[in-house]
PDB file of all heavy atoms in Angstrom:
ATOM      1  N   GLY A   1       4.246  -0.450   8.321  1.00  0.00           N
ATOM      2  CA  GLY A   1       5.575  -0.626   7.762  1.00  0.00           C
ATOM      3  C   GLY A   1       6.419  -1.616   8.528  1.00  0.00           C
ATOM      4  O   GLY A   1       7.587  -1.836   8.215  1.00  0.00           O
ATOM      5  N   SER A   2       5.833  -2.232   9.546  1.00  0.00           N
ATOM      6  CA  SER A   2       6.534  -3.232  10.343  1.00  0.00           C
ATOM      7  C   SER A   2       5.729  -4.519  10.345  1.00  0.00           C
ATOM      8  O   SER A   2       4.499  -4.499  10.427  1.00  0.00           O
ATOM      9  CB  SER A   2       6.725  -2.752  11.780  1.00  0.00           C
ATOM     10  OG  SER A   2       7.214  -3.798  12.611  1.00  0.00           O
ATOM     11  N   ALA A   3       6.430  -5.646  10.247  1.00  0.00           N
ATOM     12  CA  ALA A   3       5.759  -6.945  10.299  1.00  0.00           C
ATOM     13  C   ALA A   3       5.826  -7.565  11.681  1.00  0.00           C
ATOM     14  O   ALA A   3       5.363  -8.689  11.879  1.00  0.00           O
ATOM     15  CB  ALA A   3       6.387  -7.889   9.282  1.00  0.00           C
ATOM     16  N   GLU A   4       6.394  -6.851  12.668  1.00  0.00           N
ATOM     17  CA  GLU A   4       6.482  -7.407  14.017  1.00  0.00           C
ATOM     18  C   GLU A   4       5.102  -7.508  14.656  1.00  0.00           C
ATOM     19  O   GLU A   4       4.352  -6.531  14.670  1.00  0.00           O
ATOM     20  CB  GLU A   4       7.373  -6.527  14.902  1.00  0.00           C
ATOM     21  CG  GLU A   4       8.835  -6.625  14.611  1.00  0.00           C
ATOM     22  CD  GLU A   4       9.680  -5.920  15.662  1.00  0.00           C
ATOM     23  OE1 GLU A   4       9.107  -5.200  16.495  1.00  0.00           O
ATOM     24  OE2 GLU A   4      10.899  -6.117  15.637  1.00  0.00           O
ATOM     25  N   PRO A   5       4.741  -8.670  15.189  1.00  0.00           N
ATOM     26  CA  PRO A   5       3.439  -8.794  15.846  1.00  0.00           C
ATOM     27  C   PRO A   5       3.501  -8.380  17.318  1.00  0.00           C
ATOM     28  O   PRO A   5       4.501  -8.615  18.007  1.00  0.00           O
ATOM     29  CB  PRO A   5       3.130 -10.287  15.724  1.00  0.00           C
ATOM     30  CG  PRO A   5       4.484 -10.943  15.741  1.00  0.00           C
ATOM     31  CD  PRO A   5       5.436  -9.973  15.081  1.00  0.00           C
ATOM     32  N   TRP A   6       2.439  -7.742  17.770  1.00  0.00           N
ATOM     33  CA  TRP A   6       2.228  -7.468  19.198  1.00  0.00           C
ATOM     34  C   TRP A   6       0.912  -8.112  19.602  1.00  0.00           C
ATOM     35  O   TRP A   6      -0.074  -8.051  18.858  1.00  0.00           O
ATOM     36  CB  TRP A   6       2.161  -5.963  19.471  1.00  0.00           C
ATOM     37  CG  TRP A   6       3.495  -5.297  19.547  1.00  0.00           C
ATOM     38  CD1 TRP A   6       4.345  -5.017  18.510  1.00  0.00           C
ATOM     39  CD2 TRP A   6       4.140  -4.795  20.733  1.00  0.00           C
ATOM     40  NE1 TRP A   6       5.466  -4.381  18.969  1.00  0.00           N
ATOM     41  CE2 TRP A   6       5.372  -4.225  20.342  1.00  0.00           C
ATOM     42  CE3 TRP A   6       3.793  -4.774  22.085  1.00  0.00           C
ATOM     43  CZ2 TRP A   6       6.260  -3.646  21.234  1.00  0.00           C
ATOM     44  CZ3 TRP A   6       4.665  -4.189  22.988  1.00  0.00           C
ATOM     45  CH2 TRP A   6       5.889  -3.649  22.571  1.00  0.00           C
ATOM     46  N   LEU A   7       0.874  -8.721  20.768  1.00  0.00           N
ATOM     47  CA  LEU A   7      -0.355  -9.266  21.347  1.00  0.00           C
ATOM     48  C   LEU A   7      -0.747  -8.418  22.548  1.00  0.00           C
ATOM     49  O   LEU A   7       0.067  -8.215  23.455  1.00  0.00           O
ATOM     50  CB  LEU A   7      -0.161 -10.723  21.773  1.00  0.00           C
ATOM     51  CG  LEU A   7      -0.512 -11.832  20.775  1.00  0.00           C
ATOM     52  CD1 LEU A   7      -2.003 -11.933  20.602  1.00  0.00           C
ATOM     53  CD2 LEU A   7       0.183 -11.619  19.441  1.00  0.00           C
ATOM     54  N   ARG A   8      -1.967  -7.900  22.523  1.00  0.00           N
ATOM     55  CA  ARG A   8      -2.462  -7.075  23.627  1.00  0.00           C
ATOM     56  C   ARG A   8      -3.794  -7.650  24.110  1.00  0.00           C
ATOM     57  O   ARG A   8      -4.737  -7.783  23.324  1.00  0.00           O
ATOM     58  CB  ARG A   8      -2.661  -5.623  23.185  1.00  0.00           C
ATOM     59  CG  ARG A   8      -1.404  -4.959  22.624  1.00  0.00           C
ATOM     60  CD  ARG A   8      -1.691  -3.521  22.192  1.00  0.00           C
ATOM     61  NE  ARG A   8      -0.562  -2.920  21.512  1.00  0.00           N
ATOM     62  CZ  ARG A   8       0.450  -2.305  22.122  1.00  0.00           C
ATOM     63  NH1 ARG A   8       0.456  -2.209  23.451  1.00  0.00           N
ATOM     64  NH2 ARG A   8       1.437  -1.788  21.418  1.00  0.00           N
ATOM     65  N   THR A   9      -3.881  -7.995  25.373  1.00  0.00           N
ATOM     66  CA  THR A   9      -5.153  -8.438  25.934  1.00  0.00           C
ATOM     67  C   THR A   9      -6.104  -7.248  26.032  1.00  0.00           C
ATOM     68  O   THR A   9      -5.687  -6.116  26.272  1.00  0.00           O
ATOM     69  CB  THR A   9      -4.953  -9.046  27.325  1.00  0.00           C
ATOM     70  OG1 THR A   9      -4.096  -8.193  28.087  1.00  0.00           O
ATOM     71  CG2 THR A   9      -4.346 -10.426  27.243  1.00  0.00           C
ATOM     72  N   SER A  10      -7.383  -7.507  25.831  1.00  0.00           N
ATOM     73  CA  SER A  10      -8.404  -6.455  25.882  1.00  0.00           C
ATOM     74  C   SER A  10      -9.483  -6.849  26.881  1.00  0.00           C
ATOM     75  O   SER A  10     -10.439  -7.552  26.539  1.00  0.00           O
ATOM     76  CB  SER A  10      -9.016  -6.248  24.486  1.00  0.00           C
ATOM     77  OG  SER A  10      -9.938  -5.179  24.491  1.00  0.00           O
ATOM     78  N   PRO A  11      -9.336  -6.408  28.146  1.00  0.00           N
ATOM     79  CA  PRO A  11     -10.351  -6.742  29.163  1.00  0.00           C
ATOM     80  C   PRO A  11     -11.697  -6.109  28.843  1.00  0.00           C
ATOM     81  O   PRO A  11     -11.794  -5.174  28.041  1.00  0.00           O
ATOM     82  CB  PRO A  11      -9.754  -6.155  30.455  1.00  0.00           C
ATOM     83  CG  PRO A  11      -8.308  -5.926  30.169  1.00  0.00           C
ATOM     84  CD  PRO A  11      -8.223  -5.640  28.700  1.00  0.00           C
ATOM     85  N   THR A  12     -12.735  -6.603  29.499  1.00  0.00           N
ATOM     86  CA  THR A  12     -14.068  -6.029  29.313  1.00  0.00           C
ATOM     87  C   THR A  12     -14.077  -4.551  29.705  1.00  0.00           C
ATOM     88  O   THR A  12     -14.726  -3.731  29.058  1.00  0.00           O
ATOM     89  CB  THR A  12     -15.106  -6.786  30.143  1.00  0.00           C
ATOM     90  OG1 THR A  12     -14.681  -6.812  31.517  1.00  0.00           O
ATOM     91  CG2 THR A  12     -15.265  -8.216  29.650  1.00  0.00           C
ATOM     92  N   GLU A  13     -13.377  -4.210  30.768  1.00  0.00           N
ATOM     93  CA  GLU A  13     -13.161  -2.819  31.159  1.00  0.00           C
ATOM     94  C   GLU A  13     -11.687  -2.639  31.460  1.00  0.00           C
ATOM     95  O   GLU A  13     -10.984  -3.601  31.792  1.00  0.00           O
ATOM     96  CB  GLU A  13     -14.003  -2.436  32.384  1.00  0.00           C
ATOM     97  CG  GLU A  13     -15.488  -2.352  32.098  1.00  0.00           C
ATOM     98  CD  GLU A  13     -16.250  -1.640  33.209  1.00  0.00           C
ATOM     99  OE1 GLU A  13     -15.655  -0.770  33.886  1.00  0.00           O
ATOM    100  OE2 GLU A  13     -17.432  -1.969  33.399  1.00  0.00           O
ATOM    101  N   GLN A  14     -11.233  -1.400  31.349  1.00  0.00           N
ATOM    102  CA  GLN A  14      -9.814  -1.115  31.534  1.00  0.00           C
ATOM    103  C   GLN A  14      -9.325  -1.588  32.905  1.00  0.00           C
ATOM    104  O   GLN A  14      -9.904  -1.253  33.932  1.00  0.00           O
ATOM    105  CB  GLN A  14      -9.553   0.384  31.383  1.00  0.00           C
ATOM    106  CG  GLN A  14      -8.078   0.746  31.416  1.00  0.00           C
ATOM    107  CD  GLN A  14      -7.845   2.249  31.437  1.00  0.00           C
ATOM    108  OE1 GLN A  14      -8.762   3.029  31.712  1.00  0.00           O
ATOM    109  NE2 GLN A  14      -6.629   2.671  31.165  1.00  0.00           N
ATOM    110  N   VAL A  15      -8.264  -2.383  32.893  1.00  0.00           N
ATOM    111  CA  VAL A  15      -7.595  -2.840  34.119  1.00  0.00           C
ATOM    112  C   VAL A  15      -6.105  -2.555  33.908  1.00  0.00           C
ATOM    113  O   VAL A  15      -5.376  -3.410  33.421  1.00  0.00           O
ATOM    114  CB  VAL A  15      -7.832  -4.341  34.396  1.00  0.00           C
ATOM    115  CG1 VAL A  15      -7.271  -4.710  35.771  1.00  0.00           C
ATOM    116  CG2 VAL A  15      -9.308  -4.692  34.301  1.00  0.00           C
ATOM    117  N   PRO A  16      -5.651  -1.351  34.236  1.00  0.00           N
ATOM    118  CA  PRO A  16      -4.312  -0.925  33.838  1.00  0.00           C
ATOM    119  C   PRO A  16      -3.202  -1.853  34.332  1.00  0.00           C
ATOM    120  O   PRO A  16      -3.096  -2.141  35.517  1.00  0.00           O
ATOM    121  CB  PRO A  16      -4.172   0.462  34.474  1.00  0.00           C
ATOM    122  CG  PRO A  16      -5.585   0.933  34.671  1.00  0.00           C
ATOM    123  CD  PRO A  16      -6.369  -0.299  34.985  1.00  0.00           C
ATOM    124  N   GLY A  17      -2.398  -2.328  33.382  1.00  0.00           N
ATOM    125  CA  GLY A  17      -1.189  -3.066  33.716  1.00  0.00           C
ATOM    126  C   GLY A  17      -1.368  -4.465  34.261  1.00  0.00           C
ATOM    127  O   GLY A  17      -0.381  -5.093  34.654  1.00  0.00           O
ATOM    128  N   LYS A  18      -2.588  -4.995  34.273  1.00  0.00           N
ATOM    129  CA  LYS A  18      -2.791  -6.305  34.903  1.00  0.00           C
ATOM    130  C   LYS A  18      -2.563  -7.453  33.932  1.00  0.00           C
ATOM    131  O   LYS A  18      -1.953  -8.463  34.280  1.00  0.00           O
ATOM    132  CB  LYS A  18      -4.193  -6.402  35.486  1.00  0.00           C
ATOM    133  CG  LYS A  18      -4.451  -7.724  36.197  1.00  0.00           C
ATOM    134  CD  LYS A  18      -5.809  -7.751  36.874  1.00  0.00           C
ATOM    135  CE  LYS A  18      -6.038  -9.085  37.593  1.00  0.00           C
ATOM    136  NZ  LYS A  18      -7.352  -9.125  38.265  1.00  0.00           N
ATOM    137  N   PHE A  19      -3.075  -7.320  32.705  1.00  0.00           N
ATOM    138  CA  PHE A  19      -3.008  -8.418  31.756  1.00  0.00           C
ATOM    139  C   PHE A  19      -1.906  -8.175  30.724  1.00  0.00           C
ATOM    140  O   PHE A  19      -1.402  -7.066  30.564  1.00  0.00           O
ATOM    141  CB  PHE A  19      -4.359  -8.613  31.080  1.00  0.00           C
ATOM    142  CG  PHE A  19      -5.454  -8.994  32.038  1.00  0.00           C
ATOM    143  CD1 PHE A  19      -6.489  -8.107  32.313  1.00  0.00           C
ATOM    144  CD2 PHE A  19      -5.453 -10.224  32.669  1.00  0.00           C
ATOM    145  CE1 PHE A  19      -7.501  -8.451  33.199  1.00  0.00           C
ATOM    146  CE2 PHE A  19      -6.467 -10.577  33.557  1.00  0.00           C
ATOM    147  CZ  PHE A  19      -7.488  -9.688  33.827  1.00  0.00           C
ATOM    148  N   THR A  20      -1.603  -9.208  29.968  1.00  0.00           N
ATOM    149  CA  THR A  20      -0.410  -9.236  29.123  1.00  0.00           C
ATOM    150  C   THR A  20      -0.465  -8.286  27.938  1.00  0.00           C
ATOM    151  O   THR A  20      -1.474  -8.188  27.234  1.00  0.00           O
ATOM    152  CB  THR A  20      -0.195 -10.677  28.615  1.00  0.00           C
ATOM    153  OG1 THR A  20       0.151 -11.505  29.709  1.00  0.00           O
ATOM    154  CG2 THR A  20       0.904 -10.748  27.572  1.00  0.00           C
ATOM    155  N   THR A  21       0.659  -7.594  27.727  1.00  0.00           N
ATOM    156  CA  THR A  21       1.012  -6.972  26.453  1.00  0.00           C
ATOM    157  C   THR A  21       2.355  -7.573  26.066  1.00  0.00           C
ATOM    158  O   THR A  21       3.310  -7.514  26.842  1.00  0.00           O
ATOM    159  CB  THR A  21       1.116  -5.449  26.574  1.00  0.00           C
ATOM    160  OG1 THR A  21      -0.171  -4.901  26.836  1.00  0.00           O
ATOM    161  CG2 THR A  21       1.666  -4.839  25.289  1.00  0.00           C
ATOM    162  N   HIS A  22       2.430  -8.167  24.863  1.00  0.00           N
ATOM    163  CA  HIS A  22       3.616  -8.957  24.522  1.00  0.00           C
ATOM    164  C   HIS A  22       4.091  -8.623  23.121  1.00  0.00           C
ATOM    165  O   HIS A  22       3.303  -8.639  22.165  1.00  0.00           O
ATOM    166  CB  HIS A  22       3.275 -10.452  24.606  1.00  0.00           C
ATOM    167  CG  HIS A  22       4.410 -11.356  24.240  1.00  0.00           C
ATOM    168  ND1 HIS A  22       5.467 -11.601  25.088  1.00  0.00           N
ATOM    169  CD2 HIS A  22       4.643 -12.084  23.106  1.00  0.00           C
ATOM    170  CE1 HIS A  22       6.299 -12.443  24.502  1.00  0.00           C
ATOM    171  NE2 HIS A  22       5.833 -12.743  23.295  1.00  0.00           N
ATOM    172  N   ARG A  23       5.365  -8.315  23.011  1.00  0.00           N
ATOM    173  CA  ARG A  23       5.983  -8.108  21.703  1.00  0.00           C
ATOM    174  C   ARG A  23       6.384  -9.469  21.151  1.00  0.00           C
ATOM    175  O   ARG A  23       7.253 -10.145  21.695  1.00  0.00           O
ATOM    176  CB  ARG A  23       7.197  -7.183  21.835  1.00  0.00           C
ATOM    177  CG  ARG A  23       7.868  -6.829  20.514  1.00  0.00           C
ATOM    178  CD  ARG A  23       9.113  -6.020  20.766  1.00  0.00           C
ATOM    179  NE  ARG A  23       9.814  -5.702  19.534  1.00  0.00           N
ATOM    180  CZ  ARG A  23      11.056  -5.242  19.488  1.00  0.00           C
ATOM    181  NH1 ARG A  23      11.740  -5.058  20.621  1.00  0.00           N
ATOM    182  NH2 ARG A  23      11.617  -4.979  18.323  1.00  0.00           N
ATOM    183  N   GLY A  24       5.742  -9.876  20.075  1.00  0.00           N
ATOM    184  CA  GLY A  24       5.945 -11.211  19.524  1.00  0.00           C
ATOM    185  C   GLY A  24       4.642 -11.987  19.552  1.00  0.00           C
ATOM    186  O   GLY A  24       3.623 -11.523  20.069  1.00  0.00           O
ATOM    187  N   TRP A  25       4.661 -13.178  18.998  1.00  0.00           N
ATOM    188  CA  TRP A  25       3.433 -13.959  18.867  1.00  0.00           C
ATOM    189  C   TRP A  25       3.258 -14.922  20.037  1.00  0.00           C
ATOM    190  O   TRP A  25       4.217 -15.547  20.504  1.00  0.00           O
ATOM    191  CB  TRP A  25       3.429 -14.744  17.560  1.00  0.00           C
ATOM    192  CG  TRP A  25       2.173 -15.554  17.389  1.00  0.00           C
ATOM    193  CD1 TRP A  25       2.032 -16.894  17.499  1.00  0.00           C
ATOM    194  CD2 TRP A  25       0.874 -15.041  17.099  1.00  0.00           C
ATOM    195  NE1 TRP A  25       0.721 -17.258  17.289  1.00  0.00           N
ATOM    196  CE2 TRP A  25      -0.018 -16.135  17.042  1.00  0.00           C
ATOM    197  CE3 TRP A  25       0.359 -13.753  16.885  1.00  0.00           C
ATOM    198  CZ2 TRP A  25      -1.373 -15.995  16.783  1.00  0.00           C
ATOM    199  CZ3 TRP A  25      -0.989 -13.622  16.625  1.00  0.00           C
ATOM    200  CH2 TRP A  25      -1.840 -14.724  16.572  1.00  0.00           C
ATOM    201  N   LEU A  26       2.027 -15.031  20.504  1.00  0.00           N
ATOM    202  CA  LEU A  26       1.613 -16.040  21.472  1.00  0.00           C
ATOM    203  C   LEU A  26       0.293 -16.628  20.977  1.00  0.00           C
ATOM    204  O   LEU A  26      -0.429 -15.990  20.197  1.00  0.00           O
ATOM    205  CB  LEU A  26       1.401 -15.428  22.863  1.00  0.00           C
ATOM    206  CG  LEU A  26       2.612 -14.843  23.590  1.00  0.00           C
ATOM    207  CD1 LEU A  26       2.145 -14.104  24.846  1.00  0.00           C
ATOM    208  CD2 LEU A  26       3.598 -15.935  23.955  1.00  0.00           C
ATOM    209  N   ASP A  27      -0.035 -17.809  21.433  1.00  0.00           N
ATOM    210  CA  ASP A  27      -1.338 -18.395  21.130  1.00  0.00           C
ATOM    211  C   ASP A  27      -2.404 -17.560  21.841  1.00  0.00           C
ATOM    212  O   ASP A  27      -2.489 -17.572  23.076  1.00  0.00           O
ATOM    213  CB  ASP A  27      -1.368 -19.844  21.632  1.00  0.00           C
ATOM    214  CG  ASP A  27      -2.696 -20.541  21.351  1.00  0.00           C
ATOM    215  OD1 ASP A  27      -3.702 -19.847  21.123  1.00  0.00           O
ATOM    216  OD2 ASP A  27      -2.719 -21.779  21.370  1.00  0.00           O
ATOM    217  N   PRO A  28      -3.240 -16.819  21.118  1.00  0.00           N
ATOM    218  CA  PRO A  28      -4.184 -15.915  21.783  1.00  0.00           C
ATOM    219  C   PRO A  28      -5.230 -16.643  22.612  1.00  0.00           C
ATOM    220  O   PRO A  28      -5.657 -16.139  23.662  1.00  0.00           O
ATOM    221  CB  PRO A  28      -4.823 -15.144  20.628  1.00  0.00           C
ATOM    222  CG  PRO A  28      -4.625 -16.007  19.431  1.00  0.00           C
ATOM    223  CD  PRO A  28      -3.334 -16.728  19.655  1.00  0.00           C
ATOM    224  N   TYR A  29      -5.644 -17.823  22.162  1.00  0.00           N
ATOM    225  CA  TYR A  29      -6.671 -18.557  22.907  1.00  0.00           C
ATOM    226  C   TYR A  29      -6.094 -19.141  24.197  1.00  0.00           C
ATOM    227  O   TYR A  29      -6.765 -19.138  25.235  1.00  0.00           O
ATOM    228  CB  TYR A  29      -7.270 -19.651  22.018  1.00  0.00           C
ATOM    229  CG  TYR A  29      -7.982 -19.077  20.823  1.00  0.00           C
ATOM    230  CD1 TYR A  29      -7.388 -19.089  19.562  1.00  0.00           C
ATOM    231  CD2 TYR A  29      -9.239 -18.490  20.952  1.00  0.00           C
ATOM    232  CE1 TYR A  29      -8.032 -18.543  18.460  1.00  0.00           C
ATOM    233  CE2 TYR A  29      -9.892 -17.947  19.860  1.00  0.00           C
ATOM    234  CZ  TYR A  29      -9.274 -17.969  18.614  1.00  0.00           C
ATOM    235  OH  TYR A  29      -9.912 -17.416  17.535  1.00  0.00           O
ATOM    236  N   ARG A  30      -4.863 -19.596  24.129  1.00  0.00           N
ATOM    237  CA  ARG A  30      -4.213 -20.072  25.357  1.00  0.00           C
ATOM    238  C   ARG A  30      -3.993 -18.901  26.323  1.00  0.00           C
ATOM    239  O   ARG A  30      -4.164 -19.045  27.524  1.00  0.00           O
ATOM    240  CB  ARG A  30      -2.891 -20.761  25.027  1.00  0.00           C
ATOM    241  CG  ARG A  30      -2.140 -21.217  26.282  1.00  0.00           C
ATOM    242  CD  ARG A  30      -0.960 -22.116  25.971  1.00  0.00           C
ATOM    243  NE  ARG A  30      -0.207 -22.443  27.168  1.00  0.00           N
ATOM    244  CZ  ARG A  30      -0.588 -23.312  28.084  1.00  0.00           C
ATOM    245  NH1 ARG A  30      -1.732 -23.956  27.937  1.00  0.00           N
ATOM    246  NH2 ARG A  30       0.151 -23.544  29.144  1.00  0.00           N
ATOM    247  N   LEU A  31      -3.613 -17.755  25.769  1.00  0.00           N
ATOM    248  CA  LEU A  31      -3.408 -16.572  26.599  1.00  0.00           C
ATOM    249  C   LEU A  31      -4.691 -16.215  27.356  1.00  0.00           C
ATOM    250  O   LEU A  31      -4.669 -15.944  28.562  1.00  0.00           O
ATOM    251  CB  LEU A  31      -2.958 -15.404  25.727  1.00  0.00           C
ATOM    252  CG  LEU A  31      -2.681 -14.073  26.424  1.00  0.00           C
ATOM    253  CD1 LEU A  31      -1.587 -14.212  27.466  1.00  0.00           C
ATOM    254  CD2 LEU A  31      -2.311 -13.004  25.391  1.00  0.00           C
TER     255      LEU A  31
END
């Protein structure tokens, strides 16, 4: 019900809090 984009990095294994979680759009390949 929301069109807001979130970008969440997905490491090979869980690395809590290290990589980006971003509300809004970013270039995923650049990220």
